[in-house]
Amino acid sequence: MVTAVYPGSFDPITNGHLDIITRAYALFDKLIVGIYDRPDKQMLFSVEERVALAREAMANFHGVRVKSYSGLTVDFIRKEGGRAMIRGLRMNSDFEAEFEIAAMNKKLAPDIELVCLMASSEYQCLSSRLIKEVASLGGSLKGLVPEHVAVALSNRLAGVELEASTQRASRRNKISQQ
């Protein structure tokens, strides 16, 4: 029985991620989606929220597990009994970045194989970063993320905007009182 792990930040999970998950699920006996809890970038959702969004998105994927992790990805894969790391590739820049990471991971864990799946054509330019930008500008996310993710993004961005405008109003009040 071969276990594969698809690691990432998934902030938020997109239909591009789900495409890779669907295809990896068909190739391996067991698939774990590993959600890194502390990536080196600004996250919109907490790790608990990202796990919940991913679990809901994969409700029909019987046997796929979603888990958060910290530390080295290869250590997480070993802990889960994994033999393969799944990565999705969209374009040349993805290849270059993944190649560099793969070389380091091979040094750290020569027993774990990297399996890269090319993104389907409709998801070649899709990224969580772009999804957040489109959502923040009020664009349609139809066909790009599951519906519950679109709702979560809308709610979060409305809250973030409300918080930012409240902070601006508070600063203006403090300045006018001086």
Protein backbone atom coordinates (compact mmCIF):
# COMPACT_ATOMS: atom_id res chain seq x y z
CA MET A 1 0.00 0.00 0.00
CA VAL A 2 1.64 3.26 -1.17
CA THR A 3 0.87 6.48 0.67
CA ALA A 4 1.38 9.89 -0.94
CA VAL A 5 1.26 13.32 0.68
CA TYR A 6 0.23 16.50 -1.12
CA PRO A 7 1.65 19.33 1.02
CA GLY A 8 0.91 23.03 0.77
CA SER A 9 -0.48 26.08 2.49
CA PHE A 10 -3.88 25.89 0.72
CA ASP A 11 -4.85 29.48 1.60
CA PRO A 12 -7.47 28.79 0.34
CA ILE A 13 -7.91 25.49 -1.46
CA THR A 14 -8.80 25.99 -5.15
CA ASN A 15 -10.25 23.90 -7.94
CA GLY A 16 -6.68 23.60 -9.23
CA HIS A 17 -5.69 21.92 -5.96
CA LEU A 18 -8.73 19.67 -6.18
CA ASP A 19 -7.75 18.69 -9.73
CA ILE A 20 -4.31 17.57 -8.51
CA ILE A 21 -5.90 15.77 -5.54
CA THR A 22 -8.35 13.93 -7.82
CA ARG A 23 -5.58 12.76 -10.11
CA ALA A 24 -3.21 11.78 -7.28
CA TYR A 25 -6.05 9.93 -5.56
CA ALA A 26 -6.35 7.72 -8.65
CA LEU A 27 -2.63 6.89 -8.57
CA PHE A 28 -2.01 6.02 -4.92
CA ASP A 29 -3.56 3.70 -2.37
CA LYS A 30 -3.72 6.41 0.27
CA LEU A 31 -3.53 10.20 -0.04
CA ILE A 32 -2.97 12.75 2.70
CA VAL A 33 -3.35 16.48 2.10
CA GLY A 34 -0.84 18.12 4.43
CA ILE A 35 -1.58 21.72 5.33
CA TYR A 36 1.51 23.52 6.53
CA ASP A 37 0.68 25.52 9.63
CA ARG A 38 3.34 28.26 9.45
CA PRO A 39 4.36 29.12 5.90
CA ASP A 40 6.64 32.07 5.25
CA LYS A 41 3.88 34.23 3.85
CA GLN A 42 0.90 36.25 5.02
CA MET A 43 -2.09 33.92 5.46
CA LEU A 44 -5.70 34.98 5.13
CA PHE A 45 -7.04 31.91 6.97
CA SER A 46 -5.75 30.18 10.11
CA VAL A 47 -4.49 26.62 9.80
CA GLU A 48 -7.70 25.37 11.46
CA GLU A 49 -9.80 27.26 8.90
CA ARG A 50 -7.70 25.98 5.99
CA VAL A 51 -8.07 22.40 7.24
CA ALA A 52 -11.85 22.83 7.61
CA LEU A 53 -12.19 24.37 4.12
CA ALA A 54 -10.13 21.54 2.60
CA ARG A 55 -12.08 18.83 4.43
CA GLU A 56 -15.37 20.28 3.21
CA ALA A 57 -14.03 20.52 -0.34
CA MET A 58 -13.04 16.85 -0.21
CA ALA A 59 -16.16 15.50 1.46
CA ASN A 60 -16.69 13.11 -1.47
CA PHE A 61 -13.08 11.89 -1.54
CA HIS A 62 -13.43 8.82 0.67
CA GLY A 63 -10.09 7.84 2.08
CA VAL A 64 -8.31 11.17 1.54
CA ARG A 65 -7.23 12.61 4.86
CA VAL A 66 -6.46 16.24 5.64
CA LYS A 67 -3.96 17.02 8.39
CA SER A 68 -2.03 20.07 9.48
CA TYR A 69 1.68 19.87 10.19
CA SER A 70 4.69 21.93 11.14
CA GLY A 71 8.39 21.43 10.63
CA LEU A 72 10.00 19.79 7.63
CA THR A 73 7.60 18.40 5.05
CA VAL A 74 9.73 15.27 4.59
CA ASP A 75 9.51 14.60 8.34
CA PHE A 76 5.71 14.86 8.14
CA ILE A 77 5.63 12.51 5.14
CA ARG A 78 7.77 9.95 6.97
CA LYS A 79 5.62 10.25 10.12
CA GLU A 80 2.55 9.47 7.99
CA GLY A 81 4.25 6.50 6.33
CA GLY A 82 4.40 8.27 2.98
CA ARG A 83 6.60 7.20 0.10
CA ALA A 84 5.76 10.01 -2.33
CA MET A 85 5.30 13.78 -2.26
CA ILE A 86 2.77 15.17 -4.74
CA ARG A 87 3.27 18.59 -6.29
CA GLY A 88 1.31 20.40 -8.97
CA LEU A 89 3.13 22.27 -11.72
CA ARG A 90 1.54 25.14 -13.61
CA MET A 91 4.32 26.87 -15.52
CA ASN A 92 8.09 27.27 -15.83
CA SER A 93 8.39 29.28 -12.63
CA ASP A 94 6.74 26.42 -10.71
CA PHE A 95 9.19 23.96 -12.26
CA GLU A 96 12.21 26.01 -11.20
CA ALA A 97 10.97 26.45 -7.64
CA GLU A 98 9.93 22.80 -7.30
CA PHE A 99 13.23 21.60 -8.77
CA GLU A 100 15.19 23.49 -6.11
CA ILE A 101 12.97 22.17 -3.29
CA ALA A 102 13.09 18.63 -4.72
CA ALA A 103 16.89 18.65 -4.74
CA MET A 104 17.00 19.61 -1.06
CA ASN A 105 14.29 17.10 -0.14
CA LYS A 106 16.21 14.34 -1.94
CA LYS A 107 19.25 15.14 0.23
CA LEU A 108 17.11 15.12 3.39
CA ALA A 109 14.95 12.12 2.48
CA PRO A 110 16.27 10.01 -0.42
CA ASP A 111 13.55 7.43 0.30
CA ILE A 112 10.70 9.85 -0.60
CA GLU A 113 9.90 10.25 -4.29
CA LEU A 114 8.62 13.46 -5.78
CA VAL A 115 5.68 13.09 -8.17
CA CYS A 116 4.79 16.22 -10.12
CA LEU A 117 1.46 16.44 -11.90
CA MET A 118 0.95 19.05 -14.59
CA ALA A 119 -1.99 21.32 -13.89
CA SER A 120 -4.93 20.86 -16.22
CA SER A 121 -5.14 23.59 -18.85
CA GLU A 122 -8.06 25.39 -17.18
CA TYR A 123 -6.00 25.77 -13.99
CA GLN A 124 -2.61 26.73 -15.48
CA CYS A 125 -2.82 30.33 -14.23
CA LEU A 126 -4.77 29.67 -11.03
CA SER A 127 -3.16 30.34 -7.66
CA SER A 128 -4.42 31.03 -4.16
CA ARG A 129 -2.75 34.45 -4.35
CA LEU A 130 -4.69 35.37 -7.49
CA ILE A 131 -7.92 33.97 -6.04
CA LYS A 132 -7.55 36.26 -3.01
CA GLU A 133 -6.83 39.23 -5.26
CA VAL A 134 -9.87 38.57 -7.48
CA ALA A 135 -12.06 38.09 -4.41
CA SER A 136 -10.78 41.29 -2.79
CA LEU A 137 -11.68 43.24 -5.94
CA GLY A 138 -15.19 41.75 -6.10
CA GLY A 139 -14.56 39.47 -9.09
CA SER A 140 -16.38 36.22 -9.74
CA LEU A 141 -14.79 33.04 -8.40
CA LYS A 142 -17.20 30.73 -10.22
CA GLY A 143 -15.36 27.64 -11.42
CA LEU A 144 -12.19 28.63 -9.58
CA VAL A 145 -12.95 27.53 -6.01
CA PRO A 146 -15.67 25.43 -4.36
CA GLU A 147 -18.73 27.50 -3.41
CA HIS A 148 -18.08 27.26 0.34
CA VAL A 149 -14.57 28.65 -0.22
CA ALA A 150 -15.98 31.59 -2.23
CA VAL A 151 -18.36 32.33 0.65
CA ALA A 152 -15.55 32.06 3.23
CA LEU A 153 -13.38 34.41 1.16
CA SER A 154 -16.18 36.92 0.79
CA ASN A 155 -16.92 36.85 4.50
CA ARG A 156 -13.27 37.09 5.52
CA LEU A 157 -12.48 39.91 3.11
CA ALA A 158 -15.57 41.84 4.22
CA GLY A 159 -14.38 41.41 7.82
CA VAL A 160 -10.84 42.43 6.97
CA GLU A 161 -12.10 45.51 5.16
CA LEU A 162 -14.42 46.35 8.03
CA GLU A 163 -11.56 45.99 10.50
CA ALA A 164 -9.27 48.16 8.35
CA SER A 165 -11.88 50.90 7.96
CA THR A 166 -12.61 50.80 11.71
CA GLN A 167 -8.90 51.23 12.44
CA ARG A 168 -8.68 54.16 9.99
CA ALA A 169 -11.72 55.83 11.61
CA SER A 170 -10.20 55.30 15.06
CA ARG A 171 -6.93 56.93 13.95
CA ARG A 172 -8.83 59.87 12.43
CA ASN A 173 -10.76 60.35 15.70
CA LYS A 174 -7.54 60.31 17.74
CA ILE A 175 -5.92 62.85 15.42
CA SER A 176 -8.96 65.16 15.48
CA GLN A 177 -9.05 64.99 19.31
CA GLN A 178 -5.43 66.18 19.61
